Amino acid sequence: MEKHDLHHEFPQLTDRITDFKTSNHHFKKLFDEYHAVNKEIHHIESGAEVTADNALTELRKRRLHLKDELYTILVTK
């Protein structure tokens, strides 16, 4: 399985990710939600849970949306 945590997704922004987790409440909230959704996706993909394909697709869309929001914060602030 591919790693989707933010440090692997944006290795060039690792220091900013660490800084924003402690200094930006909105970023931290999105970061936590991103990792919760990512964890749920990995749980399903590993076969530990059976779910409808459309539910997994919606989770993947949510993860992508969160990643886009987080990236925007990282590069614009």
PDB file of N, CA and C in Angstrom:
ATOM      1  N   MET A   1       0.832  -1.191   0.000  1.00  0.00           N
ATOM      2  CA  MET A   1       0.000   0.000   0.000  1.00  0.00           C
ATOM      3  C   MET A   1       0.876   1.254   0.000  1.00  0.00           C
ATOM      4  N   GLU A   2       0.411   2.210  -0.721  1.00  0.00           N
ATOM      5  CA  GLU A   2       1.111   3.475  -0.829  1.00  0.00           C
ATOM      6  C   GLU A   2       0.907   4.304   0.435  1.00  0.00           C
ATOM      7  N   LYS A   3       1.978   5.009   0.840  1.00  0.00           N
ATOM      8  CA  LYS A   3       1.867   5.880   2.001  1.00  0.00           C
ATOM      9  C   LYS A   3       1.276   7.215   1.576  1.00  0.00           C
ATOM     10  N   HIS A   4       0.295   7.678   2.353  1.00  0.00           N
ATOM     11  CA  HIS A   4      -0.350   8.948   2.028  1.00  0.00           C
ATOM     12  C   HIS A   4      -0.264   9.955   3.168  1.00  0.00           C
ATOM     13  N   ASP A   5       0.566   9.695   4.184  1.00  0.00           N
ATOM     14  CA  ASP A   5       0.667  10.705   5.229  1.00  0.00           C
ATOM     15  C   ASP A   5       1.325  11.952   4.630  1.00  0.00           C
ATOM     16  N   LEU A   6       1.053  13.073   5.224  1.00  0.00           N
ATOM     17  CA  LEU A   6       1.484  14.344   4.623  1.00  0.00           C
ATOM     18  C   LEU A   6       2.993  14.471   4.474  1.00  0.00           C
ATOM     19  N   HIS A   7       3.747  13.878   5.374  1.00  0.00           N
ATOM     20  CA  HIS A   7       5.204  13.967   5.278  1.00  0.00           C
ATOM     21  C   HIS A   7       5.721  13.218   4.046  1.00  0.00           C
ATOM     22  N   HIS A   8       5.031  12.167   3.640  1.00  0.00           N
ATOM     23  CA  HIS A   8       5.397  11.463   2.407  1.00  0.00           C
ATOM     24  C   HIS A   8       4.824  12.165   1.174  1.00  0.00           C
ATOM     25  N   GLU A   9       3.670  12.758   1.310  1.00  0.00           N
ATOM     26  CA  GLU A   9       3.050  13.464   0.192  1.00  0.00           C
ATOM     27  C   GLU A   9       3.811  14.744  -0.154  1.00  0.00           C
ATOM     28  N   PHE A  10       4.282  15.450   0.866  1.00  0.00           N
ATOM     29  CA  PHE A  10       4.967  16.730   0.675  1.00  0.00           C
ATOM     30  C   PHE A  10       6.304  16.741   1.425  1.00  0.00           C
ATOM     31  N   PRO A  11       7.269  15.922   1.020  1.00  0.00           N
ATOM     32  CA  PRO A  11       8.532  15.856   1.772  1.00  0.00           C
ATOM     33  C   PRO A  11       9.276  17.189   1.827  1.00  0.00           C
ATOM     34  N   GLN A  12       9.080  18.028   0.822  1.00  0.00           N
ATOM     35  CA  GLN A  12       9.744  19.333   0.790  1.00  0.00           C
ATOM     36  C   GLN A  12       9.149  20.306   1.809  1.00  0.00           C
ATOM     37  N   LEU A  13       7.981  19.964   2.371  1.00  0.00           N
ATOM     38  CA  LEU A  13       7.294  20.854   3.312  1.00  0.00           C
ATOM     39  C   LEU A  13       7.253  20.299   4.736  1.00  0.00           C
ATOM     40  N   THR A  14       8.085  19.317   5.027  1.00  0.00           N
ATOM     41  CA  THR A  14       8.060  18.661   6.334  1.00  0.00           C
ATOM     42  C   THR A  14       8.208  19.655   7.484  1.00  0.00           C
ATOM     43  N   ASP A  15       9.133  20.581   7.375  1.00  0.00           N
ATOM     44  CA  ASP A  15       9.337  21.561   8.455  1.00  0.00           C
ATOM     45  C   ASP A  15       8.108  22.452   8.628  1.00  0.00           C
ATOM     46  N   ARG A  16       7.519  22.887   7.537  1.00  0.00           N
ATOM     47  CA  ARG A  16       6.311  23.728   7.621  1.00  0.00           C
ATOM     48  C   ARG A  16       5.145  22.944   8.220  1.00  0.00           C
ATOM     49  N   ILE A  17       5.013  21.667   7.850  1.00  0.00           N
ATOM     50  CA  ILE A  17       3.950  20.836   8.416  1.00  0.00           C
ATOM     51  C   ILE A  17       4.097  20.776   9.924  1.00  0.00           C
ATOM     52  N   THR A  18       5.294  20.516  10.387  1.00  0.00           N
ATOM     53  CA  THR A  18       5.558  20.435  11.825  1.00  0.00           C
ATOM     54  C   THR A  18       5.244  21.762  12.512  1.00  0.00           C
ATOM     55  N   ASP A  19       5.671  22.861  11.923  1.00  0.00           N
ATOM     56  CA  ASP A  19       5.409  24.188  12.494  1.00  0.00           C
ATOM     57  C   ASP A  19       3.908  24.502  12.537  1.00  0.00           C
ATOM     58  N   PHE A  20       3.205  24.246  11.443  1.00  0.00           N
ATOM     59  CA  PHE A  20       1.787  24.560  11.375  1.00  0.00           C
ATOM     60  C   PHE A  20       0.957  23.698  12.314  1.00  0.00           C
ATOM     61  N   LYS A  21       1.388  22.477  12.569  1.00  0.00           N
ATOM     62  CA  LYS A  21       0.632  21.619  13.499  1.00  0.00           C
ATOM     63  C   LYS A  21       0.579  22.225  14.894  1.00  0.00           C
ATOM     64  N   THR A  22       1.600  22.982  15.245  1.00  0.00           N
ATOM     65  CA  THR A  22       1.635  23.562  16.585  1.00  0.00           C
ATOM     66  C   THR A  22       1.203  25.023  16.631  1.00  0.00           C
ATOM     67  N   SER A  23       1.206  25.696  15.475  1.00  0.00           N
ATOM     68  CA  SER A  23       0.928  27.139  15.506  1.00  0.00           C
ATOM     69  C   SER A  23      -0.372  27.556  14.821  1.00  0.00           C
ATOM     70  N   ASN A  24      -1.016  26.648  14.103  1.00  0.00           N
ATOM     71  CA  ASN A  24      -2.209  27.011  13.347  1.00  0.00           C
ATOM     72  C   ASN A  24      -3.330  26.030  13.686  1.00  0.00           C
ATOM     73  N   HIS A  25      -4.284  26.486  14.454  1.00  0.00           N
ATOM     74  CA  HIS A  25      -5.369  25.621  14.935  1.00  0.00           C
ATOM     75  C   HIS A  25      -6.166  25.014  13.782  1.00  0.00           C
ATOM     76  N   HIS A  26      -6.484  25.814  12.769  1.00  0.00           N
ATOM     77  CA  HIS A  26      -7.252  25.319  11.624  1.00  0.00           C
ATOM     78  C   HIS A  26      -6.472  24.228  10.883  1.00  0.00           C
ATOM     79  N   PHE A  27      -5.188  24.449  10.670  1.00  0.00           N
ATOM     80  CA  PHE A  27      -4.347  23.454  10.014  1.00  0.00           C
ATOM     81  C   PHE A  27      -4.328  22.161  10.827  1.00  0.00           C
ATOM     82  N   LYS A  28      -4.156  22.274  12.118  1.00  0.00           N
ATOM     83  CA  LYS A  28      -4.108  21.095  12.994  1.00  0.00           C
ATOM     84  C   LYS A  28      -5.404  20.294  12.898  1.00  0.00           C
ATOM     85  N   LYS A  29      -6.539  20.985  12.883  1.00  0.00           N
ATOM     86  CA  LYS A  29      -7.832  20.312  12.775  1.00  0.00           C
ATOM     87  C   LYS A  29      -7.940  19.551  11.453  1.00  0.00           C
ATOM     88  N   LEU A  30      -7.578  20.203  10.349  1.00  0.00           N
ATOM     89  CA  LEU A  30      -7.601  19.543   9.041  1.00  0.00           C
ATOM     90  C   LEU A  30      -6.597  18.394   8.982  1.00  0.00           C
ATOM     91  N   PHE A  31      -5.423  18.606   9.557  1.00  0.00           N
ATOM     92  CA  PHE A  31      -4.377  17.584   9.606  1.00  0.00           C
ATOM     93  C   PHE A  31      -4.889  16.333  10.325  1.00  0.00           C
ATOM     94  N   ASP A  32      -5.513  16.527  11.474  1.00  0.00           N
ATOM     95  CA  ASP A  32      -6.048  15.391  12.234  1.00  0.00           C
ATOM     96  C   ASP A  32      -7.152  14.669  11.456  1.00  0.00           C
ATOM     97  N   GLU A  33      -8.010  15.429  10.808  1.00  0.00           N
ATOM     98  CA  GLU A  33      -9.082  14.816  10.016  1.00  0.00           C
ATOM     99  C   GLU A  33      -8.496  14.051   8.835  1.00  0.00           C
ATOM    100  N   TYR A  34      -7.503  14.627   8.176  1.00  0.00           N
ATOM    101  CA  TYR A  34      -6.846  13.969   7.056  1.00  0.00           C
ATOM    102  C   TYR A  34      -6.296  12.612   7.483  1.00  0.00           C
ATOM    103  N   HIS A  35      -5.613  12.584   8.615  1.00  0.00           N
ATOM    104  CA  HIS A  35      -5.004  11.339   9.076  1.00  0.00           C
ATOM    105  C   HIS A  35      -6.051  10.329   9.553  1.00  0.00           C
ATOM    106  N   ALA A  36      -7.152  10.798  10.080  1.00  0.00           N
ATOM    107  CA  ALA A  36      -8.238   9.880  10.467  1.00  0.00           C
ATOM    108  C   ALA A  36      -8.861   9.238   9.227  1.00  0.00           C
ATOM    109  N   VAL A  37      -9.111  10.036   8.205  1.00  0.00           N
ATOM    110  CA  VAL A  37      -9.667   9.504   6.958  1.00  0.00           C
ATOM    111  C   VAL A  37      -8.664   8.560   6.300  1.00  0.00           C
ATOM    112  N   ASN A  38      -7.415   8.946   6.282  1.00  0.00           N
ATOM    113  CA  ASN A  38      -6.369   8.111   5.696  1.00  0.00           C
ATOM    114  C   ASN A  38      -6.281   6.764   6.413  1.00  0.00           C
ATOM    115  N   LYS A  39      -6.362   6.798   7.723  1.00  0.00           N
ATOM    116  CA  LYS A  39      -6.310   5.567   8.514  1.00  0.00           C
ATOM    117  C   LYS A  39      -7.501   4.662   8.186  1.00  0.00           C
ATOM    118  N   GLU A  40      -8.671   5.256   8.047  1.00  0.00           N
ATOM    119  CA  GLU A  40      -9.866   4.484   7.712  1.00  0.00           C
ATOM    120  C   GLU A  40      -9.742   3.854   6.322  1.00  0.00           C
ATOM    121  N   ILE A  41      -9.196   4.592   5.381  1.00  0.00           N
ATOM    122  CA  ILE A  41      -8.988   4.054   4.033  1.00  0.00           C
ATOM    123  C   ILE A  41      -8.034   2.867   4.083  1.00  0.00           C
ATOM    124  N   HIS A  42      -6.927   3.005   4.789  1.00  0.00           N
ATOM    125  CA  HIS A  42      -5.962   1.911   4.898  1.00  0.00           C
ATOM    126  C   HIS A  42      -6.580   0.696   5.579  1.00  0.00           C
ATOM    127  N   HIS A  43      -7.404   0.929   6.560  1.00  0.00           N
ATOM    128  CA  HIS A  43      -8.092  -0.150   7.264  1.00  0.00           C
ATOM    129  C   HIS A  43      -8.972  -0.939   6.290  1.00  0.00           C
ATOM    130  N   ILE A  44      -9.706  -0.231   5.472  1.00  0.00           N
ATOM    131  CA  ILE A  44     -10.586  -0.874   4.481  1.00  0.00           C
ATOM    132  C   ILE A  44      -9.756  -1.579   3.413  1.00  0.00           C
ATOM    133  N   GLU A  45      -8.733  -0.897   2.907  1.00  0.00           N
ATOM    134  CA  GLU A  45      -7.913  -1.472   1.840  1.00  0.00           C
ATOM    135  C   GLU A  45      -7.138  -2.704   2.285  1.00  0.00           C
ATOM    136  N   SER A  46      -6.849  -2.791   3.563  1.00  0.00           N
ATOM    137  CA  SER A  46      -6.117  -3.958   4.065  1.00  0.00           C
ATOM    138  C   SER A  46      -7.009  -5.183   4.210  1.00  0.00           C
ATOM    139  N   GLY A  47      -8.315  -4.994   3.986  1.00  0.00           N
ATOM    140  CA  GLY A  47      -9.248  -6.112   4.079  1.00  0.00           C
ATOM    141  C   GLY A  47      -9.820  -6.317   5.458  1.00  0.00           C
ATOM    142  N   ALA A  48      -9.494  -5.418   6.380  1.00  0.00           N
ATOM    143  CA  ALA A  48      -9.973  -5.549   7.750  1.00  0.00           C
ATOM    144  C   ALA A  48     -11.448  -5.202   7.874  1.00  0.00           C
ATOM    145  N   GLU A  49     -11.963  -4.509   6.887  1.00  0.00           N
ATOM    146  CA  GLU A  49     -13.362  -4.086   6.919  1.00  0.00           C
ATOM    147  C   GLU A  49     -13.925  -4.148   5.500  1.00  0.00           C
ATOM    148  N   VAL A  50     -15.120  -4.632   5.388  1.00  0.00           N
ATOM    149  CA  VAL A  50     -15.789  -4.673   4.088  1.00  0.00           C
ATOM    150  C   VAL A  50     -16.713  -3.471   3.995  1.00  0.00           C
ATOM    151  N   THR A  51     -16.623  -2.778   2.877  1.00  0.00           N
ATOM    152  CA  THR A  51     -17.465  -1.607   2.671  1.00  0.00           C
ATOM    153  C   THR A  51     -17.821  -1.507   1.195  1.00  0.00           C
ATOM    154  N   ALA A  52     -18.830  -0.765   0.901  1.00  0.00           N
ATOM    155  CA  ALA A  52     -19.232  -0.561  -0.488  1.00  0.00           C
ATOM    156  C   ALA A  52     -18.172   0.261  -1.209  1.00  0.00           C
ATOM    157  N   ASP A  53     -17.997  -0.018  -2.493  1.00  0.00           N
ATOM    158  CA  ASP A  53     -17.010   0.712  -3.283  1.00  0.00           C
ATOM    159  C   ASP A  53     -17.258   2.209  -3.272  1.00  0.00           C
ATOM    160  N   ASN A  54     -18.537   2.596  -3.309  1.00  0.00           N
ATOM    161  CA  ASN A  54     -18.826   4.033  -3.335  1.00  0.00           C
ATOM    162  C   ASN A  54     -18.442   4.710  -2.012  1.00  0.00           C
ATOM    163  N   ALA A  55     -18.523   3.983  -0.915  1.00  0.00           N
ATOM    164  CA  ALA A  55     -18.110   4.550   0.378  1.00  0.00           C
ATOM    165  C   ALA A  55     -16.604   4.772   0.392  1.00  0.00           C
ATOM    166  N   LEU A  56     -15.856   3.815  -0.138  1.00  0.00           N
ATOM    167  CA  LEU A  56     -14.405   3.958  -0.211  1.00  0.00           C
ATOM    168  C   LEU A  56     -14.035   5.103  -1.163  1.00  0.00           C
ATOM    169  N   THR A  57     -14.736   5.200  -2.248  1.00  0.00           N
ATOM    170  CA  THR A  57     -14.496   6.288  -3.200  1.00  0.00           C
ATOM    171  C   THR A  57     -14.736   7.645  -2.540  1.00  0.00           C
ATOM    172  N   GLU A  58     -15.798   7.765  -1.772  1.00  0.00           N
ATOM    173  CA  GLU A  58     -16.100   9.021  -1.080  1.00  0.00           C
ATOM    174  C   GLU A  58     -15.012   9.359  -0.053  1.00  0.00           C
ATOM    175  N   LEU A  59     -14.499   8.347   0.640  1.00  0.00           N
ATOM    176  CA  LEU A  59     -13.401   8.577   1.586  1.00  0.00           C
ATOM    177  C   LEU A  59     -12.153   9.074   0.852  1.00  0.00           C
ATOM    178  N   ARG A  60     -11.866   8.474  -0.273  1.00  0.00           N
ATOM    179  CA  ARG A  60     -10.703   8.902  -1.060  1.00  0.00           C
ATOM    180  C   ARG A  60     -10.880  10.337  -1.549  1.00  0.00           C
ATOM    181  N   LYS A  61     -12.075  10.692  -1.969  1.00  0.00           N
ATOM    182  CA  LYS A  61     -12.351  12.067  -2.390  1.00  0.00           C
ATOM    183  C   LYS A  61     -12.161  13.033  -1.230  1.00  0.00           C
ATOM    184  N   ARG A  62     -12.637  12.636  -0.047  1.00  0.00           N
ATOM    185  CA  ARG A  62     -12.487  13.483   1.143  1.00  0.00           C
ATOM    186  C   ARG A  62     -11.012  13.675   1.468  1.00  0.00           C
ATOM    187  N   ARG A  63     -10.231  12.594   1.391  1.00  0.00           N
ATOM    188  CA  ARG A  63      -8.792  12.693   1.670  1.00  0.00           C
ATOM    189  C   ARG A  63      -8.135  13.653   0.682  1.00  0.00           C
ATOM    190  N   LEU A  64      -8.478  13.543  -0.583  1.00  0.00           N
ATOM    191  CA  LEU A  64      -7.903  14.417  -1.601  1.00  0.00           C
ATOM    192  C   LEU A  64      -8.281  15.879  -1.347  1.00  0.00           C
ATOM    193  N   HIS A  65      -9.534  16.117  -1.006  1.00  0.00           N
ATOM    194  CA  HIS A  65      -9.979  17.480  -0.703  1.00  0.00           C
ATOM    195  C   HIS A  65      -9.204  18.053   0.490  1.00  0.00           C
ATOM    196  N   LEU A  66      -9.052  17.257   1.539  1.00  0.00           N
ATOM    197  CA  LEU A  66      -8.303  17.710   2.710  1.00  0.00           C
ATOM    198  C   LEU A  66      -6.845  17.978   2.358  1.00  0.00           C
ATOM    199  N   LYS A  67      -6.261  17.099   1.563  1.00  0.00           N
ATOM    200  CA  LYS A  67      -4.866  17.284   1.162  1.00  0.00           C
ATOM    201  C   LYS A  67      -4.708  18.583   0.384  1.00  0.00           C
ATOM    202  N   ASP A  68      -5.644  18.875  -0.506  1.00  0.00           N
ATOM    203  CA  ASP A  68      -5.601  20.128  -1.255  1.00  0.00           C
ATOM    204  C   ASP A  68      -5.697  21.336  -0.329  1.00  0.00           C
ATOM    205  N   GLU A  69      -6.599  21.277   0.640  1.00  0.00           N
ATOM    206  CA  GLU A  69      -6.742  22.385   1.596  1.00  0.00           C
ATOM    207  C   GLU A  69      -5.457  22.576   2.403  1.00  0.00           C
ATOM    208  N   LEU A  70      -4.896  21.471   2.880  1.00  0.00           N
ATOM    209  CA  LEU A  70      -3.675  21.542   3.672  1.00  0.00           C
ATOM    210  C   LEU A  70      -2.513  22.099   2.849  1.00  0.00           C
ATOM    211  N   TYR A  71      -2.397  21.659   1.624  1.00  0.00           N
ATOM    212  CA  TYR A  71      -1.335  22.142   0.755  1.00  0.00           C
ATOM    213  C   TYR A  71      -1.472  23.650   0.528  1.00  0.00           C
ATOM    214  N   THR A  72      -2.687  24.077   0.290  1.00  0.00           N
ATOM    215  CA  THR A  72      -2.917  25.507   0.074  1.00  0.00           C
ATOM    216  C   THR A  72      -2.471  26.316   1.282  1.00  0.00           C
ATOM    217  N   ILE A  73      -2.797  25.851   2.462  1.00  0.00           N
ATOM    218  CA  ILE A  73      -2.351  26.552   3.672  1.00  0.00           C
ATOM    219  C   ILE A  73      -0.830  26.563   3.756  1.00  0.00           C
ATOM    220  N   LEU A  74      -0.218  25.438   3.477  1.00  0.00           N
ATOM    221  CA  LEU A  74       1.241  25.323   3.584  1.00  0.00           C
ATOM    222  C   LEU A  74       1.994  26.252   2.638  1.00  0.00           C
ATOM    223  N   VAL A  75       1.465  26.452   1.462  1.00  0.00           N
ATOM    224  CA  VAL A  75       2.221  27.245   0.480  1.00  0.00           C
ATOM    225  C   VAL A  75       1.802  28.705   0.412  1.00  0.00           C
ATOM    226  N   THR A  76       0.706  29.069   1.072  1.00  0.00           N
ATOM    227  CA  THR A  76       0.266  30.469   0.975  1.00  0.00           C
ATOM    228  C   THR A  76       0.437  31.263   2.255  1.00  0.00           C
ATOM    229  N   LYS A  77       0.715  30.627   3.347  1.00  0.00           N
ATOM    230  CA  LYS A  77       0.834  31.371   4.615  1.00  0.00           C
ATOM    231  C   LYS A  77       2.256  31.439   5.087  1.00  0.00           C
TER     232      LYS A  77
END
